[in-house]
Amino acid sequence: MNYDQVKHLHVRHGLALEMEGIKEGMAFEQVIGNFMRRLNPLPNKGDVTGDHEHHFDHMSFVANGSIRVVARDRAGNVLWENDFVARDPARDCFLVKKEVRHQITALEDDTLFYCMYSHRTPQGDVVQEYTGYQAAYR
């Protein structure tokens, strides 16, 4: 999805994202106070993120559309599977535990979700200000 498509989705759905200064080809990431968020657009029903894991726990939030998340241990066994839906306070966010493999699938067109990460030091301590330690967000 390119810059214009992401901007269009945000305007059309009334989502608050500061697009000023973001150019085509840039990652859609923002440092906001004591956390960083990354936009993950899934423009078409059935679009899938690659099966992956992270160094630290983080939250994800569905801003538009709906997704299915399948979480697995490193042996490939399913730990849990659930659907999450934008604008439903009971089902619009979820916790991704560190070192848990997960895959996310769009259940409808124009789906957008954010991953939200705490700032951390290389030792893994949560801190209130951006440290530049990029592994905290991977």
C-alpha atoms as a PDB file:
ATOM      1  CA  MET A   1       0.000   0.000   0.000  1.00  0.00           C
ATOM      2  CA  ASN A   2       1.465   3.353  -0.936  1.00  0.00           C
ATOM      3  CA  TYR A   3       1.398   6.714   0.838  1.00  0.00           C
ATOM      4  CA  ASP A   4      -1.633   8.062  -1.055  1.00  0.00           C
ATOM      5  CA  GLN A   5      -3.671   4.908  -0.360  1.00  0.00           C
ATOM      6  CA  VAL A   6      -2.877   5.034   3.368  1.00  0.00           C
ATOM      7  CA  LYS A   7      -3.673   8.754   3.515  1.00  0.00           C
ATOM      8  CA  HIS A   8      -6.961   8.151   1.669  1.00  0.00           C
ATOM      9  CA  LEU A   9      -7.975   5.373   4.107  1.00  0.00           C
ATOM     10  CA  HIS A  10      -7.233   7.585   7.097  1.00  0.00           C
ATOM     11  CA  VAL A  11      -9.211  10.509   5.721  1.00  0.00           C
ATOM     12  CA  ARG A  12     -12.115   8.307   4.623  1.00  0.00           C
ATOM     13  CA  HIS A  13     -12.364   6.577   8.001  1.00  0.00           C
ATOM     14  CA  GLY A  14     -11.653   9.643  10.135  1.00  0.00           C
ATOM     15  CA  LEU A  15      -8.556   8.118  11.732  1.00  0.00           C
ATOM     16  CA  ALA A  16      -6.094  10.424  13.456  1.00  0.00           C
ATOM     17  CA  LEU A  17      -2.660   9.993  11.881  1.00  0.00           C
ATOM     18  CA  GLU A  18      -0.267  12.835  11.326  1.00  0.00           C
ATOM     19  CA  MET A  19       0.598  12.380   7.658  1.00  0.00           C
ATOM     20  CA  GLU A  20       2.560  15.622   7.342  1.00  0.00           C
ATOM     21  CA  GLY A  21       6.212  14.895   6.764  1.00  0.00           C
ATOM     22  CA  ILE A  22       5.606  11.254   5.856  1.00  0.00           C
ATOM     23  CA  LYS A  23       6.722  10.576   2.300  1.00  0.00           C
ATOM     24  CA  GLU A  24       6.202   7.684  -0.099  1.00  0.00           C
ATOM     25  CA  GLY A  25       8.384   4.729   0.849  1.00  0.00           C
ATOM     26  CA  MET A  26       8.806   5.725   4.516  1.00  0.00           C
ATOM     27  CA  ALA A  27       7.760   3.374   7.283  1.00  0.00           C
ATOM     28  CA  PHE A  28       4.575   4.541   8.950  1.00  0.00           C
ATOM     29  CA  GLU A  29       6.015   4.785  12.441  1.00  0.00           C
ATOM     30  CA  GLN A  30       5.570   7.488  15.064  1.00  0.00           C
ATOM     31  CA  VAL A  31       7.099   8.117  18.450  1.00  0.00           C
ATOM     32  CA  ILE A  32       4.281   9.473  20.626  1.00  0.00           C
ATOM     33  CA  GLY A  33       5.228  10.314  24.188  1.00  0.00           C
ATOM     34  CA  ASN A  34       6.295   7.139  25.936  1.00  0.00           C
ATOM     35  CA  PHE A  35       5.590   4.668  23.122  1.00  0.00           C
ATOM     36  CA  MET A  36       6.079   4.075  19.397  1.00  0.00           C
ATOM     37  CA  ARG A  37       3.340   2.966  17.036  1.00  0.00           C
ATOM     38  CA  ARG A  38       3.641   1.324  13.638  1.00  0.00           C
ATOM     39  CA  LEU A  39       0.817   1.382  11.096  1.00  0.00           C
ATOM     40  CA  ASN A  40       0.126  -1.931   9.351  1.00  0.00           C
ATOM     41  CA  PRO A  41      -2.254  -1.540   6.401  1.00  0.00           C
ATOM     42  CA  LEU A  42      -3.915  -4.637   4.936  1.00  0.00           C
ATOM     43  CA  PRO A  43      -5.792  -3.196   1.947  1.00  0.00           C
ATOM     44  CA  ASN A  44      -7.473  -6.387   0.715  1.00  0.00           C
ATOM     45  CA  LYS A  45      -9.508  -9.093   2.437  1.00  0.00           C
ATOM     46  CA  GLY A  46      -7.185 -12.084   2.819  1.00  0.00           C
ATOM     47  CA  ASP A  47      -3.944 -10.059   3.012  1.00  0.00           C
ATOM     48  CA  VAL A  48      -1.601 -11.688   5.525  1.00  0.00           C
ATOM     49  CA  THR A  49       1.387 -10.544   7.553  1.00  0.00           C
ATOM     50  CA  GLY A  50       4.233 -13.015   7.585  1.00  0.00           C
ATOM     51  CA  ASP A  51       4.448 -15.389  10.534  1.00  0.00           C
ATOM     52  CA  HIS A  52       6.826 -13.596  12.913  1.00  0.00           C
ATOM     53  CA  GLU A  53       7.746 -12.911  16.546  1.00  0.00           C
ATOM     54  CA  HIS A  54       9.111  -9.999  18.588  1.00  0.00           C
ATOM     55  CA  HIS A  55      11.793  -9.460  21.240  1.00  0.00           C
ATOM     56  CA  PHE A  56       9.353  -7.919  23.746  1.00  0.00           C
ATOM     57  CA  ASP A  57       5.617  -7.950  24.546  1.00  0.00           C
ATOM     58  CA  HIS A  58       3.569  -5.295  22.753  1.00  0.00           C
ATOM     59  CA  MET A  59      -0.035  -4.289  22.124  1.00  0.00           C
ATOM     60  CA  SER A  60      -1.806  -4.168  18.775  1.00  0.00           C
ATOM     61  CA  PHE A  61      -4.922  -2.118  18.026  1.00  0.00           C
ATOM     62  CA  VAL A  62      -7.338  -2.507  15.095  1.00  0.00           C
ATOM     63  CA  ALA A  63      -8.127   0.979  13.743  1.00  0.00           C
ATOM     64  CA  ASN A  64     -10.299  -0.092  10.804  1.00  0.00           C
ATOM     65  CA  GLY A  65     -11.726  -3.375   9.569  1.00  0.00           C
ATOM     66  CA  SER A  66     -11.106  -6.701  11.237  1.00  0.00           C
ATOM     67  CA  ILE A  67      -8.343  -9.279  11.539  1.00  0.00           C
ATOM     68  CA  ARG A  68      -7.746 -12.872  12.571  1.00  0.00           C
ATOM     69  CA  VAL A  69      -4.660 -13.550  14.674  1.00  0.00           C
ATOM     70  CA  VAL A  70      -3.164 -17.018  15.000  1.00  0.00           C
ATOM     71  CA  ALA A  71      -0.461 -17.321  17.691  1.00  0.00           C
ATOM     72  CA  ARG A  72       1.926 -20.293  17.761  1.00  0.00           C
ATOM     73  CA  ASP A  73       4.807 -21.513  19.859  1.00  0.00           C
ATOM     74  CA  ARG A  74       8.181 -22.047  18.186  1.00  0.00           C
ATOM     75  CA  ALA A  75       7.274 -25.678  17.459  1.00  0.00           C
ATOM     76  CA  GLY A  76       4.290 -24.464  15.422  1.00  0.00           C
ATOM     77  CA  ASN A  77       1.561 -25.501  17.866  1.00  0.00           C
ATOM     78  CA  VAL A  78      -1.405 -23.097  17.937  1.00  0.00           C
ATOM     79  CA  LEU A  79      -1.557 -21.303  21.306  1.00  0.00           C
ATOM     80  CA  TRP A  80      -4.629 -19.236  20.470  1.00  0.00           C
ATOM     81  CA  GLU A  81      -6.640 -17.901  17.534  1.00  0.00           C
ATOM     82  CA  ASN A  82      -9.061 -14.988  17.684  1.00  0.00           C
ATOM     83  CA  ASP A  83     -10.750 -12.300  15.595  1.00  0.00           C
ATOM     84  CA  PHE A  84     -10.396  -8.607  16.451  1.00  0.00           C
ATOM     85  CA  VAL A  85     -12.665  -5.814  15.199  1.00  0.00           C
ATOM     86  CA  ALA A  86     -12.231  -2.039  14.972  1.00  0.00           C
ATOM     87  CA  ARG A  87     -14.549   0.135  17.068  1.00  0.00           C
ATOM     88  CA  ASP A  88     -15.502  -2.714  19.399  1.00  0.00           C
ATOM     89  CA  PRO A  89     -13.905  -1.955  22.791  1.00  0.00           C
ATOM     90  CA  ALA A  90     -14.118  -5.609  23.785  1.00  0.00           C
ATOM     91  CA  ARG A  91     -12.324  -6.831  20.641  1.00  0.00           C
ATOM     92  CA  ASP A  92     -10.222  -4.023  19.144  1.00  0.00           C
ATOM     93  CA  CYS A  93      -6.860  -4.707  20.803  1.00  0.00           C
ATOM     94  CA  PHE A  94      -4.714  -7.613  21.887  1.00  0.00           C
ATOM     95  CA  LEU A  95      -1.432  -8.407  23.592  1.00  0.00           C
ATOM     96  CA  VAL A  96       1.369 -10.044  21.611  1.00  0.00           C
ATOM     97  CA  LYS A  97       3.745 -11.835  23.984  1.00  0.00           C
ATOM     98  CA  LYS A  98       7.465 -11.875  23.217  1.00  0.00           C
ATOM     99  CA  GLU A  99       8.774 -14.862  21.285  1.00  0.00           C
ATOM    100  CA  VAL A 100       5.251 -15.998  20.312  1.00  0.00           C
ATOM    101  CA  ARG A 101       4.976 -16.450  16.547  1.00  0.00           C
ATOM    102  CA  HIS A 102       1.864 -14.840  15.105  1.00  0.00           C
ATOM    103  CA  GLN A 103       0.220 -14.278  11.751  1.00  0.00           C
ATOM    104  CA  ILE A 104      -2.437 -11.656  11.042  1.00  0.00           C
ATOM    105  CA  THR A 105      -5.025 -11.929   8.259  1.00  0.00           C
ATOM    106  CA  ALA A 106      -7.410  -9.189   7.066  1.00  0.00           C
ATOM    107  CA  LEU A 107     -11.032 -10.338   7.252  1.00  0.00           C
ATOM    108  CA  GLU A 108     -12.240  -7.388   5.160  1.00  0.00           C
ATOM    109  CA  ASP A 109     -10.930  -4.742   2.769  1.00  0.00           C
ATOM    110  CA  ASP A 110      -9.352  -1.514   4.053  1.00  0.00           C
ATOM    111  CA  THR A 111      -8.091  -3.027   7.291  1.00  0.00           C
ATOM    112  CA  LEU A 112      -5.591  -1.018   9.359  1.00  0.00           C
ATOM    113  CA  PHE A 113      -3.974  -1.994  12.623  1.00  0.00           C
ATOM    114  CA  TYR A 114      -1.219  -0.525  14.781  1.00  0.00           C
ATOM    115  CA  CYS A 115       1.501  -2.236  16.774  1.00  0.00           C
ATOM    116  CA  MET A 116       2.376  -0.213  19.870  1.00  0.00           C
ATOM    117  CA  TYR A 117       5.718  -0.652  21.601  1.00  0.00           C
ATOM    118  CA  SER A 118       7.213   0.645  24.847  1.00  0.00           C
ATOM    119  CA  HIS A 119      10.547   2.428  24.651  1.00  0.00           C
ATOM    120  CA  ARG A 120      13.314   0.193  26.021  1.00  0.00           C
ATOM    121  CA  THR A 121      17.002   0.167  26.799  1.00  0.00           C
ATOM    122  CA  PRO A 122      19.267  -2.542  25.331  1.00  0.00           C
ATOM    123  CA  GLN A 123      18.889  -4.304  28.694  1.00  0.00           C
ATOM    124  CA  GLY A 124      15.128  -4.503  28.104  1.00  0.00           C
ATOM    125  CA  ASP A 125      14.073  -1.957  30.728  1.00  0.00           C
ATOM    126  CA  VAL A 126      10.954   0.075  29.863  1.00  0.00           C
ATOM    127  CA  VAL A 127      11.750   3.800  29.833  1.00  0.00           C
ATOM    128  CA  GLN A 128       9.631   6.904  29.297  1.00  0.00           C
ATOM    129  CA  GLU A 129      11.648   8.498  26.485  1.00  0.00           C
ATOM    130  CA  TYR A 130      12.831   7.320  23.083  1.00  0.00           C
ATOM    131  CA  THR A 131      16.321   5.830  23.387  1.00  0.00           C
ATOM    132  CA  GLY A 132      17.043   5.010  19.756  1.00  0.00           C
ATOM    133  CA  TYR A 133      17.241   1.285  20.569  1.00  0.00           C
ATOM    134  CA  GLN A 134      15.489  -0.066  17.444  1.00  0.00           C
ATOM    135  CA  ALA A 135      15.354  -3.712  18.570  1.00  0.00           C
ATOM    136  CA  ALA A 136      12.683  -2.618  21.084  1.00  0.00           C
ATOM    137  CA  TYR A 137      10.276  -2.204  18.149  1.00  0.00           C
ATOM    138  CA  ARG A 138      11.042  -5.418  16.227  1.00  0.00           C
END
